[in-house]
Amino acid sequence: LDDASSDLVYAGGHLPLVHFFRLRLPSDLQARLMQGAT
């Protein structure tokens, strides 16, 4: 995170791959994310 507004508040999590690959997502989308897409 290299820049942000002074009022930034964010939420989220770090999801282990064992849970990520439980997701019912298109396989090409999973692959794109693992290859570095955001």
PDB file of all heavy atoms in Angstrom:
ATOM      1  N   LEU A   1       0.876  -1.166   0.000  1.00  0.00           N
ATOM      2  CA  LEU A   1       0.000   0.000   0.000  1.00  0.00           C
ATOM      3  C   LEU A   1       0.917   1.220   0.000  1.00  0.00           C
ATOM      4  O   LEU A   1       1.539   1.536   1.025  1.00  0.00           O
ATOM      5  CB  LEU A   1      -0.887  -0.016   1.238  1.00  0.00           C
ATOM      6  CG  LEU A   1      -1.812   1.186   1.446  1.00  0.00           C
ATOM      7  CD1 LEU A   1      -2.879   1.234   0.358  1.00  0.00           C
ATOM      8  CD2 LEU A   1      -2.466   1.128   2.820  1.00  0.00           C
ATOM      9  N   ASP A   2       1.033   1.912  -1.141  1.00  0.00           N
ATOM     10  CA  ASP A   2       2.022   2.988  -1.243  1.00  0.00           C
ATOM     11  C   ASP A   2       1.428   4.387  -1.241  1.00  0.00           C
ATOM     12  O   ASP A   2       2.159   5.377  -1.161  1.00  0.00           O
ATOM     13  CB  ASP A   2       2.904   2.797  -2.481  1.00  0.00           C
ATOM     14  CG  ASP A   2       2.124   2.844  -3.793  1.00  0.00           C
ATOM     15  OD1 ASP A   2       0.883   2.960  -3.757  1.00  0.00           O
ATOM     16  OD2 ASP A   2       2.766   2.760  -4.862  1.00  0.00           O
ATOM     17  N   ASP A   3       0.093   4.505  -1.288  1.00  0.00           N
ATOM     18  CA  ASP A   3      -0.537   5.817  -1.212  1.00  0.00           C
ATOM     19  C   ASP A   3      -1.984   5.621  -0.795  1.00  0.00           C
ATOM     20  O   ASP A   3      -2.594   4.585  -1.082  1.00  0.00           O
ATOM     21  CB  ASP A   3      -0.461   6.537  -2.566  1.00  0.00           C
ATOM     22  CG  ASP A   3      -0.699   8.041  -2.444  1.00  0.00           C
ATOM     23  OD1 ASP A   3      -0.763   8.542  -1.294  1.00  0.00           O
ATOM     24  OD2 ASP A   3      -0.805   8.716  -3.484  1.00  0.00           O
ATOM     25  N   ALA A   4      -2.537   6.610  -0.104  1.00  0.00           N
ATOM     26  CA  ALA A   4      -3.909   6.480   0.395  1.00  0.00           C
ATOM     27  C   ALA A   4      -4.405   7.836   0.850  1.00  0.00           C
ATOM     28  O   ALA A   4      -3.625   8.741   1.156  1.00  0.00           O
ATOM     29  CB  ALA A   4      -3.973   5.482   1.556  1.00  0.00           C
ATOM     30  N   SER A   5      -5.725   7.978   0.915  1.00  0.00           N
ATOM     31  CA  SER A   5      -6.319   9.191   1.463  1.00  0.00           C
ATOM     32  C   SER A   5      -6.126   9.195   2.978  1.00  0.00           C
ATOM     33  O   SER A   5      -5.962   8.146   3.612  1.00  0.00           O
ATOM     34  CB  SER A   5      -7.802   9.260   1.115  1.00  0.00           C
ATOM     35  OG  SER A   5      -8.503   8.172   1.687  1.00  0.00           O
ATOM     36  N   SER A   6      -6.152  10.384   3.559  1.00  0.00           N
ATOM     37  CA  SER A   6      -5.924  10.498   5.002  1.00  0.00           C
ATOM     38  C   SER A   6      -7.040   9.874   5.821  1.00  0.00           C
ATOM     39  O   SER A   6      -6.852   9.558   6.997  1.00  0.00           O
ATOM     40  CB  SER A   6      -5.764  11.968   5.387  1.00  0.00           C
ATOM     41  OG  SER A   6      -6.938  12.698   5.041  1.00  0.00           O
ATOM     42  N   ASP A   7      -8.211   9.691   5.192  1.00  0.00           N
ATOM     43  CA  ASP A   7      -9.352   9.129   5.931  1.00  0.00           C
ATOM     44  C   ASP A   7      -9.595   7.665   5.605  1.00  0.00           C
ATOM     45  O   ASP A   7     -10.641   7.116   5.940  1.00  0.00           O
ATOM     46  CB  ASP A   7     -10.619   9.932   5.633  1.00  0.00           C
ATOM     47  CG  ASP A   7     -11.025   9.877   4.156  1.00  0.00           C
ATOM     48  OD1 ASP A   7     -10.159   9.544   3.307  1.00  0.00           O
ATOM     49  OD2 ASP A   7     -12.201  10.169   3.851  1.00  0.00           O
ATOM     50  N   LEU A   8      -8.631   7.001   4.977  1.00  0.00           N
ATOM     51  CA  LEU A   8      -8.835   5.617   4.547  1.00  0.00           C
ATOM     52  C   LEU A   8      -9.152   4.694   5.723  1.00  0.00           C
ATOM     53  O   LEU A   8      -8.443   4.671   6.730  1.00  0.00           O
ATOM     54  CB  LEU A   8      -7.592   5.087   3.821  1.00  0.00           C
ATOM     55  CG  LEU A   8      -7.605   3.586   3.474  1.00  0.00           C
ATOM     56  CD1 LEU A   8      -8.724   3.258   2.494  1.00  0.00           C
ATOM     57  CD2 LEU A   8      -6.260   3.141   2.918  1.00  0.00           C
ATOM     58  N   VAL A   9     -10.217   3.918   5.562  1.00  0.00           N
ATOM     59  CA  VAL A   9     -10.530   2.790   6.444  1.00  0.00           C
ATOM     60  C   VAL A   9     -10.865   1.620   5.526  1.00  0.00           C
ATOM     61  O   VAL A   9     -11.676   1.769   4.613  1.00  0.00           O
ATOM     62  CB  VAL A   9     -11.721   3.073   7.373  1.00  0.00           C
ATOM     63  CG1 VAL A   9     -12.112   1.822   8.149  1.00  0.00           C
ATOM     64  CG2 VAL A   9     -11.393   4.215   8.336  1.00  0.00           C
ATOM     65  N   TYR A  10     -10.211   0.490   5.761  1.00  0.00           N
ATOM     66  CA  TYR A  10     -10.564  -0.662   4.953  1.00  0.00           C
ATOM     67  C   TYR A  10     -10.688  -1.899   5.821  1.00  0.00           C
ATOM     68  O   TYR A  10     -10.204  -1.963   6.943  1.00  0.00           O
ATOM     69  CB  TYR A  10      -9.643  -0.863   3.760  1.00  0.00           C
ATOM     70  CG  TYR A  10      -8.235  -1.378   4.009  1.00  0.00           C
ATOM     71  CD1 TYR A  10      -7.430  -1.703   2.912  1.00  0.00           C
ATOM     72  CD2 TYR A  10      -7.686  -1.553   5.276  1.00  0.00           C
ATOM     73  CE1 TYR A  10      -6.139  -2.172   3.083  1.00  0.00           C
ATOM     74  CE2 TYR A  10      -6.403  -2.015   5.454  1.00  0.00           C
ATOM     75  CZ  TYR A  10      -5.639  -2.339   4.361  1.00  0.00           C
ATOM     76  OH  TYR A  10      -4.361  -2.813   4.535  1.00  0.00           O
ATOM     77  N   ALA A  11     -11.413  -2.865   5.269  1.00  0.00           N
ATOM     78  CA  ALA A  11     -11.646  -4.129   5.952  1.00  0.00           C
ATOM     79  C   ALA A  11     -11.267  -5.246   5.001  1.00  0.00           C
ATOM     80  O   ALA A  11     -11.144  -5.047   3.795  1.00  0.00           O
ATOM     81  CB  ALA A  11     -13.114  -4.247   6.364  1.00  0.00           C
ATOM     82  N   GLY A  12     -11.079  -6.424   5.552  1.00  0.00           N
ATOM     83  CA  GLY A  12     -10.780  -7.548   4.677  1.00  0.00           C
ATOM     84  C   GLY A  12     -10.192  -8.713   5.423  1.00  0.00           C
ATOM     85  O   GLY A  12     -10.323  -8.836   6.639  1.00  0.00           O
ATOM     86  N   GLY A  13      -9.536  -9.557   4.662  1.00  0.00           N
ATOM     87  CA  GLY A  13      -8.954 -10.743   5.245  1.00  0.00           C
ATOM     88  C   GLY A  13      -7.910 -11.348   4.347  1.00  0.00           C
ATOM     89  O   GLY A  13      -7.780 -10.976   3.177  1.00  0.00           O
ATOM     90  N   HIS A  14      -7.140 -12.263   4.924  1.00  0.00           N
ATOM     91  CA  HIS A  14      -6.170 -13.052   4.182  1.00  0.00           C
ATOM     92  C   HIS A  14      -6.678 -14.486   4.179  1.00  0.00           C
ATOM     93  O   HIS A  14      -6.779 -15.122   5.234  1.00  0.00           O
ATOM     94  CB  HIS A  14      -4.785 -12.949   4.823  1.00  0.00           C
ATOM     95  CG  HIS A  14      -4.134 -11.620   4.602  1.00  0.00           C
ATOM     96  ND1 HIS A  14      -2.776 -11.449   4.670  1.00  0.00           N
ATOM     97  CD2 HIS A  14      -4.643 -10.404   4.294  1.00  0.00           C
ATOM     98  CE1 HIS A  14      -2.469 -10.184   4.428  1.00  0.00           C
ATOM     99  NE2 HIS A  14      -3.596  -9.527   4.209  1.00  0.00           N
ATOM    100  N   LEU A  15      -7.013 -14.973   2.989  1.00  0.00           N
ATOM    101  CA  LEU A  15      -7.728 -16.223   2.815  1.00  0.00           C
ATOM    102  C   LEU A  15      -6.765 -17.314   2.344  1.00  0.00           C
ATOM    103  O   LEU A  15      -6.228 -17.243   1.242  1.00  0.00           O
ATOM    104  CB  LEU A  15      -8.837 -16.025   1.776  1.00  0.00           C
ATOM    105  CG  LEU A  15      -9.825 -17.150   1.547  1.00  0.00           C
ATOM    106  CD1 LEU A  15     -10.699 -17.348   2.782  1.00  0.00           C
ATOM    107  CD2 LEU A  15     -10.706 -16.822   0.331  1.00  0.00           C
ATOM    108  N   PRO A  16      -6.513 -18.347   3.165  1.00  0.00           N
ATOM    109  CA  PRO A  16      -5.628 -19.432   2.745  1.00  0.00           C
ATOM    110  C   PRO A  16      -6.138 -20.115   1.478  1.00  0.00           C
ATOM    111  O   PRO A  16      -7.347 -20.170   1.219  1.00  0.00           O
ATOM    112  CB  PRO A  16      -5.658 -20.392   3.935  1.00  0.00           C
ATOM    113  CG  PRO A  16      -6.049 -19.547   5.104  1.00  0.00           C
ATOM    114  CD  PRO A  16      -6.992 -18.523   4.541  1.00  0.00           C
ATOM    115  N   LEU A  17      -5.212 -20.657   0.691  1.00  0.00           N
ATOM    116  CA  LEU A  17      -5.598 -21.301  -0.562  1.00  0.00           C
ATOM    117  C   LEU A  17      -6.542 -22.474  -0.348  1.00  0.00           C
ATOM    118  O   LEU A  17      -7.355 -22.780  -1.218  1.00  0.00           O
ATOM    119  CB  LEU A  17      -4.358 -21.784  -1.321  1.00  0.00           C
ATOM    120  CG  LEU A  17      -3.520 -20.720  -2.028  1.00  0.00           C
ATOM    121  CD1 LEU A  17      -2.525 -21.384  -2.965  1.00  0.00           C
ATOM    122  CD2 LEU A  17      -4.373 -19.729  -2.795  1.00  0.00           C
ATOM    123  N   VAL A  18      -6.430 -23.131   0.805  1.00  0.00           N
ATOM    124  CA  VAL A  18      -7.324 -24.256   1.047  1.00  0.00           C
ATOM    125  C   VAL A  18      -8.780 -23.802   1.048  1.00  0.00           C
ATOM    126  O   VAL A  18      -9.684 -24.567   0.689  1.00  0.00           O
ATOM    127  CB  VAL A  18      -6.965 -24.960   2.379  1.00  0.00           C
ATOM    128  CG1 VAL A  18      -7.275 -24.096   3.583  1.00  0.00           C
ATOM    129  CG2 VAL A  18      -7.663 -26.319   2.472  1.00  0.00           C
ATOM    130  N   HIS A  19      -9.036 -22.537   1.417  1.00  0.00           N
ATOM    131  CA  HIS A  19     -10.384 -21.987   1.334  1.00  0.00           C
ATOM    132  C   HIS A  19     -10.644 -21.376  -0.040  1.00  0.00           C
ATOM    133  O   HIS A  19     -11.757 -21.490  -0.575  1.00  0.00           O
ATOM    134  CB  HIS A  19     -10.602 -20.921   2.406  1.00  0.00           C
ATOM    135  CG  HIS A  19     -10.521 -21.439   3.803  1.00  0.00           C
ATOM    136  ND1 HIS A  19     -11.158 -22.586   4.201  1.00  0.00           N
ATOM    137  CD2 HIS A  19      -9.873 -20.973   4.901  1.00  0.00           C
ATOM    138  CE1 HIS A  19     -10.917 -22.810   5.478  1.00  0.00           C
ATOM    139  NE2 HIS A  19     -10.132 -21.845   5.927  1.00  0.00           N
ATOM    140  N   PHE A  20      -9.652 -20.732  -0.618  1.00  0.00           N
ATOM    141  CA  PHE A  20      -9.829 -20.085  -1.918  1.00  0.00           C
ATOM    142  C   PHE A  20     -10.301 -21.083  -2.966  1.00  0.00           C
ATOM    143  O   PHE A  20     -11.184 -20.779  -3.781  1.00  0.00           O
ATOM    144  CB  PHE A  20      -8.520 -19.430  -2.355  1.00  0.00           C
ATOM    145  CG  PHE A  20      -8.578 -18.817  -3.726  1.00  0.00           C
ATOM    146  CD1 PHE A  20      -9.319 -17.669  -3.959  1.00  0.00           C
ATOM    147  CD2 PHE A  20      -7.891 -19.389  -4.791  1.00  0.00           C
ATOM    148  CE1 PHE A  20      -9.379 -17.105  -5.230  1.00  0.00           C
ATOM    149  CE2 PHE A  20      -7.940 -18.820  -6.053  1.00  0.00           C
ATOM    150  CZ  PHE A  20      -8.678 -17.676  -6.271  1.00  0.00           C
ATOM    151  N   PHE A  21      -9.734 -22.283  -2.963  1.00  0.00           N
ATOM    152  CA  PHE A  21     -10.114 -23.257  -3.972  1.00  0.00           C
ATOM    153  C   PHE A  21     -11.392 -24.018  -3.620  1.00  0.00           C
ATOM    154  O   PHE A  21     -11.808 -24.900  -4.361  1.00  0.00           O
ATOM    155  CB  PHE A  21      -8.949 -24.204  -4.273  1.00  0.00           C
ATOM    156  CG  PHE A  21      -7.933 -23.570  -5.190  1.00  0.00           C
ATOM    157  CD1 PHE A  21      -6.734 -23.097  -4.693  1.00  0.00           C
ATOM    158  CD2 PHE A  21      -8.210 -23.405  -6.531  1.00  0.00           C
ATOM    159  CE1 PHE A  21      -5.820 -22.481  -5.533  1.00  0.00           C
ATOM    160  CE2 PHE A  21      -7.304 -22.793  -7.376  1.00  0.00           C
ATOM    161  CZ  PHE A  21      -6.101 -22.335  -6.882  1.00  0.00           C
ATOM    162  N   ARG A  22     -12.003 -23.667  -2.509  1.00  0.00           N
ATOM    163  CA  ARG A  22     -13.366 -24.126  -2.238  1.00  0.00           C
ATOM    164  C   ARG A  22     -14.383 -23.237  -2.954  1.00  0.00           C
ATOM    165  O   ARG A  22     -15.556 -23.608  -3.099  1.00  0.00           O
ATOM    166  CB  ARG A  22     -13.663 -24.078  -0.735  1.00  0.00           C
ATOM    167  CG  ARG A  22     -12.960 -25.144   0.090  1.00  0.00           C
ATOM    168  CD  ARG A  22     -13.147 -24.866   1.586  1.00  0.00           C
ATOM    169  NE  ARG A  22     -14.551 -24.681   1.957  1.00  0.00           N
ATOM    170  CZ  ARG A  22     -14.943 -24.117   3.095  1.00  0.00           C
ATOM    171  NH1 ARG A  22     -14.042 -23.677   3.967  1.00  0.00           N
ATOM    172  NH2 ARG A  22     -16.226 -23.991   3.363  1.00  0.00           N
ATOM    173  N   LEU A  23     -13.967 -22.063  -3.383  1.00  0.00           N
ATOM    174  CA  LEU A  23     -14.881 -21.116  -4.002  1.00  0.00           C
ATOM    175  C   LEU A  23     -15.433 -21.643  -5.322  1.00  0.00           C
ATOM    176  O   LEU A  23     -14.702 -22.216  -6.132  1.00  0.00           O
ATOM    177  CB  LEU A  23     -14.157 -19.787  -4.273  1.00  0.00           C
ATOM    178  CG  LEU A  23     -13.829 -18.920  -3.064  1.00  0.00           C
ATOM    179  CD1 LEU A  23     -12.856 -17.822  -3.445  1.00  0.00           C
ATOM    180  CD2 LEU A  23     -15.104 -18.335  -2.469  1.00  0.00           C
ATOM    181  N   ARG A  24     -16.718 -21.418  -5.541  1.00  0.00           N
ATOM    182  CA  ARG A  24     -17.338 -21.782  -6.809  1.00  0.00           C
ATOM    183  C   ARG A  24     -17.215 -20.595  -7.763  1.00  0.00           C
ATOM    184  O   ARG A  24     -18.155 -19.838  -7.990  1.00  0.00           O
ATOM    185  CB  ARG A  24     -18.798 -22.169  -6.572  1.00  0.00           C
ATOM    186  CG  ARG A  24     -18.960 -23.461  -5.781  1.00  0.00           C
ATOM    187  CD  ARG A  24     -20.376 -23.675  -5.311  1.00  0.00           C
ATOM    188  NE  ARG A  24     -20.785 -22.652  -4.348  1.00  0.00           N
ATOM    189  CZ  ARG A  24     -21.977 -22.623  -3.742  1.00  0.00           C
ATOM    190  NH1 ARG A  24     -22.872 -23.558  -4.014  1.00  0.00           N
ATOM    191  NH2 ARG A  24     -22.268 -21.668  -2.886  1.00  0.00           N
ATOM    192  N   LEU A  25     -16.016 -20.464  -8.289  1.00  0.00           N
ATOM    193  CA  LEU A  25     -15.709 -19.419  -9.257  1.00  0.00           C
ATOM    194  C   LEU A  25     -15.296 -20.070 -10.569  1.00  0.00           C
ATOM    195  O   LEU A  25     -14.823 -21.212 -10.576  1.00  0.00           O
ATOM    196  CB  LEU A  25     -14.561 -18.530  -8.754  1.00  0.00           C
ATOM    197  CG  LEU A  25     -14.820 -17.661  -7.521  1.00  0.00           C
ATOM    198  CD1 LEU A  25     -13.544 -16.945  -7.112  1.00  0.00           C
ATOM    199  CD2 LEU A  25     -15.937 -16.649  -7.784  1.00  0.00           C
ATOM    200  N   PRO A  26     -15.430 -19.357 -11.684  1.00  0.00           N
ATOM    201  CA  PRO A  26     -14.938 -19.908 -12.950  1.00  0.00           C
ATOM    202  C   PRO A  26     -13.447 -20.231 -12.841  1.00  0.00           C
ATOM    203  O   PRO A  26     -12.681 -19.457 -12.265  1.00  0.00           O
ATOM    204  CB  PRO A  26     -15.193 -18.775 -13.954  1.00  0.00           C
ATOM    205  CG  PRO A  26     -16.268 -17.947 -13.329  1.00  0.00           C
ATOM    206  CD  PRO A  26     -16.044 -18.032 -11.854  1.00  0.00           C
ATOM    207  N   SER A  27     -13.046 -21.361 -13.380  1.00  0.00           N
ATOM    208  CA  SER A  27     -11.654 -21.781 -13.250  1.00  0.00           C
ATOM    209  C   SER A  27     -10.702 -20.793 -13.908  1.00  0.00           C
ATOM    210  O   SER A  27      -9.574 -20.604 -13.446  1.00  0.00           O
ATOM    211  CB  SER A  27     -11.452 -23.181 -13.833  1.00  0.00           C
ATOM    212  OG  SER A  27     -11.860 -23.229 -15.197  1.00  0.00           O
ATOM    213  N   ASP A  28     -11.152 -20.131 -15.008  1.00  0.00           N
ATOM    214  CA  ASP A  28     -10.250 -19.171 -15.649  1.00  0.00           C
ATOM    215  C   ASP A  28     -10.046 -17.938 -14.774  1.00  0.00           C
ATOM    216  O   ASP A  28      -8.967 -17.349 -14.751  1.00  0.00           O
ATOM    217  CB  ASP A  28     -10.744 -18.775 -17.043  1.00  0.00           C
ATOM    218  CG  ASP A  28     -12.124 -18.125 -17.025  1.00  0.00           C
ATOM    219  OD1 ASP A  28     -12.876 -18.334 -16.047  1.00  0.00           O
ATOM    220  OD2 ASP A  28     -12.451 -17.414 -17.992  1.00  0.00           O
ATOM    221  N   LEU A  29     -11.068 -17.558 -13.993  1.00  0.00           N
ATOM    222  CA  LEU A  29     -10.922 -16.428 -13.079  1.00  0.00           C
ATOM    223  C   LEU A  29      -9.977 -16.794 -11.942  1.00  0.00           C
ATOM    224  O   LEU A  29      -9.104 -16.000 -11.556  1.00  0.00           O
ATOM    225  CB  LEU A  29     -12.284 -16.009 -12.530  1.00  0.00           C
ATOM    226  CG  LEU A  29     -12.281 -14.916 -11.457  1.00  0.00           C
ATOM    227  CD1 LEU A  29     -11.577 -13.660 -11.964  1.00  0.00           C
ATOM    228  CD2 LEU A  29     -13.702 -14.591 -11.016  1.00  0.00           C
ATOM    229  N   GLN A  30     -10.123 -17.983 -11.379  1.00  0.00           N
ATOM    230  CA  GLN A  30      -9.198 -18.427 -10.342  1.00  0.00           C
ATOM    231  C   GLN A  30      -7.763 -18.388 -10.852  1.00  0.00           C
ATOM    232  O   GLN A  30      -6.849 -17.926 -10.163  1.00  0.00           O
ATOM    233  CB  GLN A  30      -9.547 -19.843  -9.891  1.00  0.00           C
ATOM    234  CG  GLN A  30     -10.788 -19.938  -9.020  1.00  0.00           C
ATOM    235  CD  GLN A  30     -11.047 -21.356  -8.543  1.00  0.00           C
ATOM    236  OE1 GLN A  30     -10.730 -22.323  -9.239  1.00  0.00           O
ATOM    237  NE2 GLN A  30     -11.648 -21.493  -7.382  1.00  0.00           N
ATOM    238  N   ALA A  31      -7.568 -18.874 -12.081  1.00  0.00           N
ATOM    239  CA  ALA A  31      -6.216 -18.916 -12.648  1.00  0.00           C
ATOM    240  C   ALA A  31      -5.657 -17.512 -12.836  1.00  0.00           C
ATOM    241  O   ALA A  31      -4.488 -17.252 -12.530  1.00  0.00           O
ATOM    242  CB  ALA A  31      -6.236 -19.670 -13.979  1.00  0.00           C
ATOM    243  N   ARG A  32      -6.487 -16.584 -13.336  1.00  0.00           N
ATOM    244  CA  ARG A  32      -6.014 -15.205 -13.546  1.00  0.00           C
ATOM    245  C   ARG A  32      -5.588 -14.557 -12.233  1.00  0.00           C
ATOM    246  O   ARG A  32      -4.590 -13.844 -12.162  1.00  0.00           O
ATOM    247  CB  ARG A  32      -7.110 -14.379 -14.223  1.00  0.00           C
ATOM    248  CG  ARG A  32      -7.413 -14.759 -15.666  1.00  0.00           C
ATOM    249  CD  ARG A  32      -6.439 -14.144 -16.648  1.00  0.00           C
ATOM    250  NE  ARG A  32      -6.566 -12.700 -16.685  1.00  0.00           N
ATOM    251  CZ  ARG A  32      -7.494 -12.041 -17.412  1.00  0.00           C
ATOM    252  NH1 ARG A  32      -8.381 -12.702 -18.139  1.00  0.00           N
ATOM    253  NH2 ARG A  32      -7.517 -10.726 -17.413  1.00  0.00           N
ATOM    254  N   LEU A  33      -6.361 -14.794 -11.177  1.00  0.00           N
ATOM    255  CA  LEU A  33      -6.004 -14.234  -9.874  1.00  0.00           C
ATOM    256  C   LEU A  33      -4.684 -14.810  -9.377  1.00  0.00           C
ATOM    257  O   LEU A  33      -3.813 -14.078  -8.890  1.00  0.00           O
ATOM    258  CB  LEU A  33      -7.119 -14.500  -8.862  1.00  0.00           C
ATOM    259  CG  LEU A  33      -8.411 -13.706  -9.061  1.00  0.00           C
ATOM    260  CD1 LEU A  33      -9.514 -14.256  -8.163  1.00  0.00           C
ATOM    261  CD2 LEU A  33      -8.193 -12.225  -8.783  1.00  0.00           C
ATOM    262  N   MET A  34      -4.506 -16.108  -9.508  1.00  0.00           N
ATOM    263  CA  MET A  34      -3.278 -16.736  -9.048  1.00  0.00           C
ATOM    264  C   MET A  34      -2.075 -16.306  -9.872  1.00  0.00           C
ATOM    265  O   MET A  34      -0.935 -16.345  -9.411  1.00  0.00           O
ATOM    266  CB  MET A  34      -3.414 -18.260  -9.077  1.00  0.00           C
ATOM    267  CG  MET A  34      -4.412 -18.825  -8.085  1.00  0.00           C
ATOM    268  SD  MET A  34      -4.117 -18.304  -6.377  1.00  0.00           S
ATOM    269  CE  MET A  34      -2.450 -18.859  -6.121  1.00  0.00           C
ATOM    270  N   GLN A  35      -2.309 -15.882 -11.098  1.00  0.00           N
ATOM    271  CA  GLN A  35      -1.233 -15.420 -11.967  1.00  0.00           C
ATOM    272  C   GLN A  35      -0.908 -13.944 -11.753  1.00  0.00           C
ATOM    273  O   GLN A  35      -0.043 -13.400 -12.432  1.00  0.00           O
ATOM    274  CB  GLN A  35      -1.605 -15.672 -13.430  1.00  0.00           C
ATOM    275  CG  GLN A  35      -1.644 -17.155 -13.797  1.00  0.00           C
ATOM    276  CD  GLN A  35      -2.393 -17.428 -15.073  1.00  0.00           C
ATOM    277  OE1 GLN A  35      -2.770 -16.512 -15.810  1.00  0.00           O
ATOM    278  NE2 GLN A  35      -2.660 -18.705 -15.354  1.00  0.00           N
ATOM    279  N   GLY A  36      -1.595 -13.285 -10.824  1.00  0.00           N
ATOM    280  CA  GLY A  36      -1.233 -11.924 -10.463  1.00  0.00           C
ATOM    281  C   GLY A  36      -2.241 -10.846 -10.784  1.00  0.00           C
ATOM    282  O   GLY A  36      -1.987  -9.670 -10.521  1.00  0.00           O
ATOM    283  N   ALA A  37      -3.398 -11.207 -11.338  1.00  0.00           N
ATOM    284  CA  ALA A  37      -4.416 -10.198 -11.627  1.00  0.00           C
ATOM    285  C   ALA A  37      -5.093  -9.742 -10.335  1.00  0.00           C
ATOM    286  O   ALA A  37      -5.113 -10.456  -9.330  1.00  0.00           O
ATOM    287  CB  ALA A  37      -5.461 -10.751 -12.592  1.00  0.00           C
ATOM    288  N   THR A  38      -5.647  -8.533 -10.369  1.00  0.00           N
ATOM    289  CA  THR A  38      -6.407  -7.987  -9.249  1.00  0.00           C
ATOM    290  C   THR A  38      -7.853  -7.807  -9.683  1.00  0.00           C
ATOM    291  O   THR A  38      -8.126  -7.145 -10.683  1.00  0.00           O
ATOM    292  CB  THR A  38      -5.836  -6.624  -8.810  1.00  0.00           C
ATOM    293  OG1 THR A  38      -4.480  -6.790  -8.376  1.00  0.00           O
ATOM    294  CG2 THR A  38      -6.657  -6.036  -7.681  1.00  0.00           C
TER     295      THR A  38
END
